[in-house]
């Protein structure tokens, strides 16, 4: 770890503080830092640029001269791209320049930038900038010059001050200072670290930065219940595999003891022993059968008798005559 001395407003009694290696001692990845900085600069672009095509430029509705007979090239409008005051070909149009950058890449680039500044001795820590409750720019600049190592009245290098978001005293004291940029801990980014020559943290900001590591950098923690369930499944699978290996070659593997299988086996045993009543002996089944019979009888009674055809009526009349008349 890198150890730096804490600068106090009184100028004495400062202690040493260690900069964590996971933030200030990692390997610098220059291509990654370049990619993140370019993405930040691209996201800051408005993208509101626009030009007019020949269809958007006012005028040019009349043909400048006739098609033939002049010896000149044919023209249809004075707002064509080759004319002064005409439209622009393939000009810029409003669009967004935002590039998608994963959070892990941003965090890694920030750690690399902080490590680069700390390796060159350009990271300082102060306990505070102002004593008391009233903001003071002159007092804050005196502490800042002592932290950076400046002896002159004006700062010869740009300084980035990182303070907690609720530290209004520091923000008000240094917000108008020339060559000083003040950021909250949550606003710290790779671009601002690189464009400034020196980084000064307050003790509260340093503790806030190192204690609350980004969620995407922390290792994923499995839930205890999920771990226990996975361990139980692995144990059951290992036992089944061992039982299958110990069983004879022609023997079948024992069926798995699951809840649906147990319920099915219990129902089968109950039906075999005769404990369960037959489906047709239950009161519900008897009532259903009686209702069905009543409905069938009603349909038969309400149905009209079928009409007999002429041939059927003739056959019936012949059957009623005596045998002599039939002969």
Protein backbone atom coordinates (compact mmCIF):
# COMPACT_ATOMS: atom_id res chain seq x y z
CA UNK A 1 0.00 0.00 0.00
CA UNK A 2 1.00 3.63 -0.56
CA UNK A 3 1.19 5.79 2.55
CA UNK A 4 0.58 9.55 2.44
CA UNK A 5 0.53 12.18 5.18
CA UNK A 6 -2.76 13.83 6.07
CA UNK A 7 -2.63 17.63 5.86
CA UNK A 8 -4.63 19.56 8.48
CA UNK A 9 -5.82 23.20 8.38
CA UNK A 10 -3.61 24.02 11.35
CA UNK A 11 -0.54 22.58 9.63
CA UNK A 12 0.42 20.16 12.41
CA UNK A 13 -0.73 16.95 13.96
CA UNK A 14 -1.27 15.17 10.66
CA UNK A 15 -1.29 11.40 10.63
CA UNK A 16 -0.40 8.95 7.90
CA UNK A 17 -3.08 7.18 5.90
CA UNK A 18 -2.74 4.20 3.58
CA UNK A 19 -4.17 4.24 0.08
CA UNK A 20 -5.77 0.85 -0.71
CA UNK A 21 -3.93 -1.10 -3.37
CA UNK A 22 -7.18 -2.15 -5.09
CA UNK A 23 -7.80 1.51 -5.96
CA UNK A 24 -4.37 3.11 -6.08
CA UNK A 25 -2.04 0.21 -6.92
CA UNK A 26 -3.50 -1.63 -9.89
CA UNK A 27 -1.95 -2.10 -13.30
CA UNK A 28 -2.70 0.75 -15.68
CA UNK A 29 -4.54 -0.31 -18.84
CA UNK A 30 -4.00 2.57 -21.26
CA UNK A 31 -6.25 1.29 -24.11
CA UNK A 32 -9.10 0.81 -21.64
CA UNK A 33 -8.64 4.30 -20.21
CA UNK A 34 -8.58 5.76 -23.73
CA UNK A 35 -11.79 3.98 -24.67
CA UNK A 36 -13.62 5.19 -21.55
CA UNK A 37 -12.40 8.80 -21.97
CA UNK A 38 -13.45 8.86 -25.63
CA UNK A 39 -16.88 7.56 -24.63
CA UNK A 40 -17.19 10.32 -22.00
CA UNK A 41 -16.26 13.01 -24.50
CA UNK A 42 -18.65 11.57 -27.08
CA UNK A 43 -21.51 11.53 -24.57
CA UNK A 44 -20.89 15.22 -23.87
CA UNK A 45 -21.52 16.17 -27.51
CA UNK A 46 -24.89 17.73 -28.24
CA UNK A 47 -25.24 16.20 -31.69
CA UNK A 48 -27.52 19.04 -32.80
CA UNK A 49 -25.62 19.86 -36.02
CA UNK A 50 -27.68 19.92 -39.20
CA UNK A 51 -27.49 21.09 -42.82
CA UNK A 52 -30.09 21.62 -45.51
CA UNK A 53 -30.38 19.50 -48.62
CA UNK A 54 -31.52 20.94 -51.96
CA UNK A 55 -35.07 20.03 -51.02
CA UNK A 56 -34.90 22.06 -47.79
CA UNK A 57 -33.26 25.23 -49.22
CA UNK A 58 -35.74 27.97 -50.07
CA UNK A 59 -36.11 28.93 -53.74
CA UNK A 60 -34.99 27.21 -56.91
CA UNK A 61 -38.43 26.21 -58.10
CA UNK A 62 -37.97 27.66 -61.60
CA UNK A 63 -35.71 26.18 -64.21
CA UNK A 64 -32.84 28.69 -64.69
CA UNK A 65 -32.84 28.43 -68.51
CA UNK A 66 -34.23 26.22 -71.22
CA UNK A 67 -33.11 22.66 -71.67
CA UNK A 68 -31.58 22.91 -75.14
CA UNK A 69 -30.07 25.49 -77.45
CA UNK A 70 -27.87 27.41 -75.02
CA UNK A 71 -24.73 25.31 -75.29
CA UNK A 72 -24.52 25.01 -71.55
CA UNK A 73 -25.11 22.05 -69.29
CA UNK A 74 -28.71 21.35 -68.50
CA UNK A 75 -29.87 22.61 -65.11
CA UNK A 76 -33.13 22.18 -63.27
CA UNK A 77 -32.67 24.40 -60.20
CA UNK A 78 -30.33 27.07 -58.87
CA UNK A 79 -30.45 25.33 -55.47
CA UNK A 80 -28.56 22.28 -56.74
CA UNK A 81 -25.37 21.42 -54.77
CA UNK A 82 -23.05 22.84 -57.43
CA UNK A 83 -24.58 26.33 -57.07
CA UNK A 84 -23.65 28.85 -54.40
CA UNK A 85 -26.46 28.93 -51.89
CA UNK A 86 -27.59 25.46 -52.92
CA UNK A 87 -28.17 22.39 -50.78
CA UNK A 88 -25.46 20.35 -49.03
CA UNK A 89 -24.78 16.78 -50.11
CA UNK A 90 -24.40 14.18 -47.32
CA UNK A 91 -24.18 16.85 -44.65
CA UNK A 92 -24.38 16.15 -40.90
CA UNK A 93 -27.77 15.44 -39.37
CA UNK A 94 -28.81 15.53 -35.69
CA UNK A 95 -27.82 12.30 -33.94
CA UNK A 96 -26.58 10.94 -30.63
CA UNK A 97 -22.91 10.15 -30.09
CA UNK A 98 -23.45 8.13 -26.90
CA UNK A 99 -21.37 4.97 -26.70
CA UNK A 100 -22.39 2.07 -24.50
CA UNK A 101 -19.68 1.44 -21.90
CA UNK A 102 -20.15 -1.30 -19.27
CA UNK A 103 -19.91 -0.26 -15.63
CA UNK A 104 -17.04 -2.65 -14.97
CA UNK A 105 -14.98 -0.97 -17.69
CA UNK A 106 -15.64 2.48 -16.21
CA UNK A 107 -14.66 1.30 -12.73
CA UNK A 108 -11.48 -0.38 -14.01
CA UNK A 109 -10.48 2.74 -15.97
CA UNK A 110 -11.02 4.95 -12.91
CA UNK A 111 -8.87 2.67 -10.76
CA UNK A 112 -6.17 2.76 -13.43
CA UNK A 113 -6.22 6.57 -13.58
CA UNK A 114 -6.00 6.87 -9.77
CA UNK A 115 -3.16 4.35 -9.72
CA UNK A 116 -1.28 6.37 -12.34
CA UNK A 117 -1.60 9.56 -10.29
CA UNK A 118 -0.59 7.84 -7.04
CA UNK A 119 2.45 6.20 -8.66
CA UNK A 120 3.75 9.69 -9.53
CA UNK A 121 3.06 11.09 -6.07
CA UNK A 122 0.12 13.23 -7.16
CA UNK A 123 -2.49 12.03 -4.67
CA UNK A 124 -2.90 13.86 -1.34
CA UNK A 125 -5.26 13.60 1.61
CA UNK A 126 -6.44 16.42 3.89
CA UNK A 127 -8.51 16.26 7.05
CA UNK A 128 -10.37 19.43 6.07
CA UNK A 129 -9.95 22.76 4.34
CA UNK A 130 -11.58 25.21 6.72
CA UNK A 131 -11.76 25.39 10.51
CA UNK A 132 -15.09 26.59 11.78
CA UNK A 133 -18.51 26.85 10.17
CA UNK A 134 -17.97 29.71 7.70
CA UNK A 135 -16.53 29.07 4.21
CA UNK A 136 -13.21 30.76 3.43
CA UNK A 137 -11.52 30.60 0.05
CA UNK A 138 -8.19 31.99 1.26
CA UNK A 139 -7.93 29.45 4.09
CA UNK A 140 -8.93 26.59 1.80
CA UNK A 141 -6.34 27.62 -0.80
CA UNK A 142 -3.64 27.76 1.88
CA UNK A 143 -4.39 24.16 2.87
CA UNK A 144 -4.56 23.16 -0.78
CA UNK A 145 -1.15 24.66 -1.56
CA UNK A 146 0.34 22.83 1.43
CA UNK A 147 -1.17 19.53 0.25
CA UNK A 148 0.04 19.95 -3.32
CA UNK A 149 3.45 21.35 -2.35
CA UNK A 150 3.06 24.80 -3.91
CA UNK A 151 4.92 27.71 -2.36
CA UNK A 152 3.66 30.56 -4.52
CA UNK A 153 0.51 32.57 -4.11
CA UNK A 154 -1.09 31.01 -7.19
CA UNK A 155 -1.39 27.37 -8.17
CA UNK A 156 0.88 26.40 -11.04
CA UNK A 157 -1.04 23.18 -11.74
CA UNK A 158 -4.66 22.19 -11.87
CA UNK A 159 -6.05 20.37 -8.84
CA UNK A 160 -9.06 18.09 -8.48
CA UNK A 161 -10.62 18.18 -5.00
CA UNK A 162 -12.84 15.24 -4.03
CA UNK A 163 -15.18 15.83 -1.08
CA UNK A 164 -18.43 14.20 0.09
CA UNK A 165 -21.64 15.48 -1.43
CA UNK A 166 -22.80 16.85 1.93
CA UNK A 167 -19.60 18.83 2.60
CA UNK A 168 -21.01 22.25 1.71
CA UNK A 169 -18.16 24.05 3.49
CA UNK A 170 -15.54 22.67 1.11
CA UNK A 171 -17.67 23.15 -1.98
CA UNK A 172 -18.44 26.78 -1.18
CA UNK A 173 -14.84 27.58 -0.25
CA UNK A 174 -13.25 26.23 -3.45
CA UNK A 175 -15.95 26.49 -6.12
CA UNK A 176 -14.62 29.85 -7.42
CA UNK A 177 -10.90 29.17 -7.03
CA UNK A 178 -8.86 29.37 -10.24
CA UNK A 179 -7.40 26.05 -11.35
CA UNK A 180 -9.44 24.03 -8.83
CA UNK A 181 -12.23 21.60 -9.68
CA UNK A 182 -14.44 20.25 -6.90
CA UNK A 183 -16.33 16.99 -7.29
CA UNK A 184 -18.44 14.83 -5.02
CA UNK A 185 -17.27 11.29 -4.36
CA UNK A 186 -20.00 9.80 -6.52
CA UNK A 187 -19.07 12.10 -9.43
CA UNK A 188 -15.44 11.00 -9.62
CA UNK A 189 -14.64 9.88 -13.17
CA UNK A 190 -11.67 8.96 -15.34
CA UNK A 191 -11.71 12.08 -17.54
CA UNK A 192 -11.55 14.56 -14.66
CA UNK A 193 -8.78 12.58 -12.97
CA UNK A 194 -6.63 12.71 -16.11
CA UNK A 195 -7.21 16.36 -17.05
CA UNK A 196 -6.02 17.55 -13.62
CA UNK A 197 -2.43 17.38 -12.45
CA UNK A 198 -3.06 16.63 -8.79
CA UNK A 199 -5.84 14.82 -6.85
CA UNK A 200 -6.69 15.86 -3.29
CA UNK A 201 -9.10 13.76 -1.20
CA UNK A 202 -10.66 14.65 2.10
CA UNK A 203 -10.52 11.86 4.65
CA UNK A 204 -14.30 11.44 4.53
CA UNK A 205 -14.27 11.19 0.72
CA UNK A 206 -11.45 8.64 0.76
CA UNK A 207 -13.29 6.50 3.30
CA UNK A 208 -16.49 6.76 1.25
CA UNK A 209 -14.67 5.74 -1.93
CA UNK A 210 -12.82 2.75 -0.47
CA UNK A 211 -15.53 1.41 1.84
CA UNK A 212 -18.35 1.31 -0.69
CA UNK A 213 -16.91 -0.77 -3.51
CA UNK A 214 -19.03 -0.87 -6.70
CA UNK A 215 -21.56 -3.68 -6.77
CA UNK A 216 -20.37 -4.91 -10.17
CA UNK A 217 -16.82 -5.45 -8.83
CA UNK A 218 -17.85 -7.48 -5.79
CA UNK A 219 -17.89 -11.26 -6.27
CA UNK A 220 -21.32 -12.75 -6.73
CA UNK A 221 -22.54 -14.35 -3.49
CA UNK A 222 -24.80 -17.35 -3.78
CA UNK A 223 -27.75 -17.51 -1.43
CA UNK A 224 -27.43 -20.04 1.45
CA UNK A 225 -30.66 -21.77 0.47
CA UNK A 226 -29.50 -22.14 -3.12
CA UNK A 227 -26.17 -23.57 -1.98
CA UNK A 228 -27.88 -26.08 0.31
CA UNK A 229 -30.29 -27.14 -2.44
CA UNK A 230 -27.43 -27.63 -4.90
CA UNK A 231 -25.46 -29.64 -2.32
CA UNK A 232 -28.48 -31.86 -1.62
CA UNK A 233 -29.00 -32.50 -5.33
CA UNK A 234 -25.33 -33.38 -5.79
CA UNK A 235 -25.45 -35.80 -2.83
CA UNK A 236 -28.60 -37.51 -4.14
CA UNK A 237 -27.09 -37.85 -7.61
CA UNK A 238 -23.89 -39.35 -6.14
CA UNK A 239 -25.88 -41.88 -4.08
CA UNK A 240 -27.91 -42.96 -7.12
CA UNK A 241 -24.75 -43.36 -9.17
CA UNK A 242 -23.12 -45.47 -6.45
CA UNK A 243 -26.23 -47.67 -6.11
CA UNK A 244 -26.37 -48.20 -9.87
CA UNK A 245 -22.71 -49.23 -9.93
CA UNK A 246 -23.13 -51.69 -7.00
CA UNK A 247 -26.27 -53.36 -8.45
CA UNK A 248 -25.95 -56.60 -10.55
CA UNK A 249 -25.72 -56.30 -14.29
CA UNK A 250 -29.25 -57.62 -15.00
CA UNK A 251 -30.99 -55.85 -12.12
CA UNK A 252 -33.04 -52.76 -12.67
CA UNK A 253 -32.14 -49.51 -11.01
CA UNK A 254 -34.46 -48.66 -8.08
CA UNK A 255 -37.10 -46.09 -8.85
CA UNK A 256 -36.60 -42.65 -7.39
CA UNK A 257 -38.63 -41.98 -4.25
CA UNK A 258 -40.57 -38.89 -5.26
CA UNK A 259 -43.81 -37.48 -3.86
CA UNK A 260 -45.94 -38.18 -7.00
CA UNK A 261 -44.66 -41.75 -7.11
CA UNK A 262 -45.48 -42.29 -3.43
CA UNK A 263 -49.03 -40.93 -3.87
CA UNK A 264 -49.63 -43.11 -6.91
CA UNK A 265 -48.42 -46.24 -5.12
CA UNK A 266 -50.60 -45.49 -2.08
CA UNK A 267 -53.69 -45.04 -4.27
CA UNK A 268 -52.99 -48.34 -6.05
CA UNK A 269 -52.59 -50.25 -2.77
CA UNK A 270 -55.82 -48.80 -1.42
CA UNK A 271 -57.74 -49.81 -4.54
CA UNK A 272 -56.32 -53.37 -4.38
CA UNK A 273 -57.31 -53.87 -0.74
CA UNK A 274 -60.91 -52.76 -1.43
CA UNK A 275 -60.85 -49.80 0.94
CA UNK A 276 -61.93 -47.38 -1.75
CA UNK A 277 -65.67 -47.56 -2.68
CA UNK A 278 -66.53 -48.52 -6.25
CA UNK A 279 -67.33 -45.67 -8.54
CA UNK A 280 -70.83 -47.01 -9.31
CA UNK A 281 -71.76 -47.54 -5.62
CA UNK A 282 -71.28 -43.99 -4.54
CA UNK A 283 -74.39 -41.78 -3.93
CA UNK A 284 -73.19 -39.29 -6.52
CA UNK A 285 -72.98 -42.02 -9.17
CA UNK A 286 -76.48 -43.37 -8.29
CA UNK A 287 -78.04 -39.90 -8.48
CA UNK A 288 -76.34 -39.27 -11.80
CA UNK A 289 -77.65 -42.57 -13.25
CA UNK A 290 -81.24 -41.87 -12.03
CA UNK A 291 -81.21 -38.40 -13.57
CA UNK A 292 -79.94 -39.82 -16.85
CA UNK A 293 -82.73 -42.45 -16.94
CA UNK A 294 -85.42 -39.87 -16.17
CA UNK A 295 -84.19 -37.60 -18.96
CA UNK A 296 -84.19 -40.51 -21.44
CA UNK A 297 -87.80 -41.48 -20.51
CA UNK A 298 -88.96 -37.90 -20.88
CA UNK A 299 -87.39 -37.60 -24.31
CA UNK A 300 -89.09 -40.82 -25.41
CA UNK A 301 -92.53 -39.67 -24.17
CA UNK A 302 -92.30 -36.25 -25.77
CA UNK A 303 -91.11 -37.60 -29.11
CA UNK A 304 -94.05 -37.89 -31.63
CA UNK A 305 -94.76 -41.19 -33.31
CA UNK A 306 -93.17 -41.52 -36.73
CA UNK A 307 -95.50 -41.12 -39.73
CA UNK A 308 -96.18 -44.25 -41.70
CA UNK A 309 -95.61 -44.22 -45.39
CA UNK A 310 -98.21 -45.26 -48.00
CA UNK A 311 -96.61 -48.64 -48.42
CA UNK A 312 -96.64 -49.22 -44.70
CA UNK A 313 -100.32 -48.22 -44.46
CA UNK A 314 -101.20 -50.59 -47.35
CA UNK A 315 -99.38 -53.43 -45.67
CA UNK A 316 -101.23 -52.77 -42.43
CA UNK A 317 -104.64 -52.69 -44.21
CA UNK A 318 -103.90 -55.96 -45.97
CA UNK A 319 -102.97 -57.61 -42.73
CA UNK A 320 -106.38 -56.66 -41.22
CA UNK A 321 -108.42 -58.37 -44.03
CA UNK A 322 -109.51 -62.02 -43.71
CA UNK A 323 -107.51 -64.65 -45.50
CA UNK A 324 -110.29 -65.36 -48.03
CA UNK A 325 -110.44 -61.79 -49.22
CA UNK A 326 -106.72 -61.68 -49.48
CA UNK A 327 -106.78 -64.68 -51.81
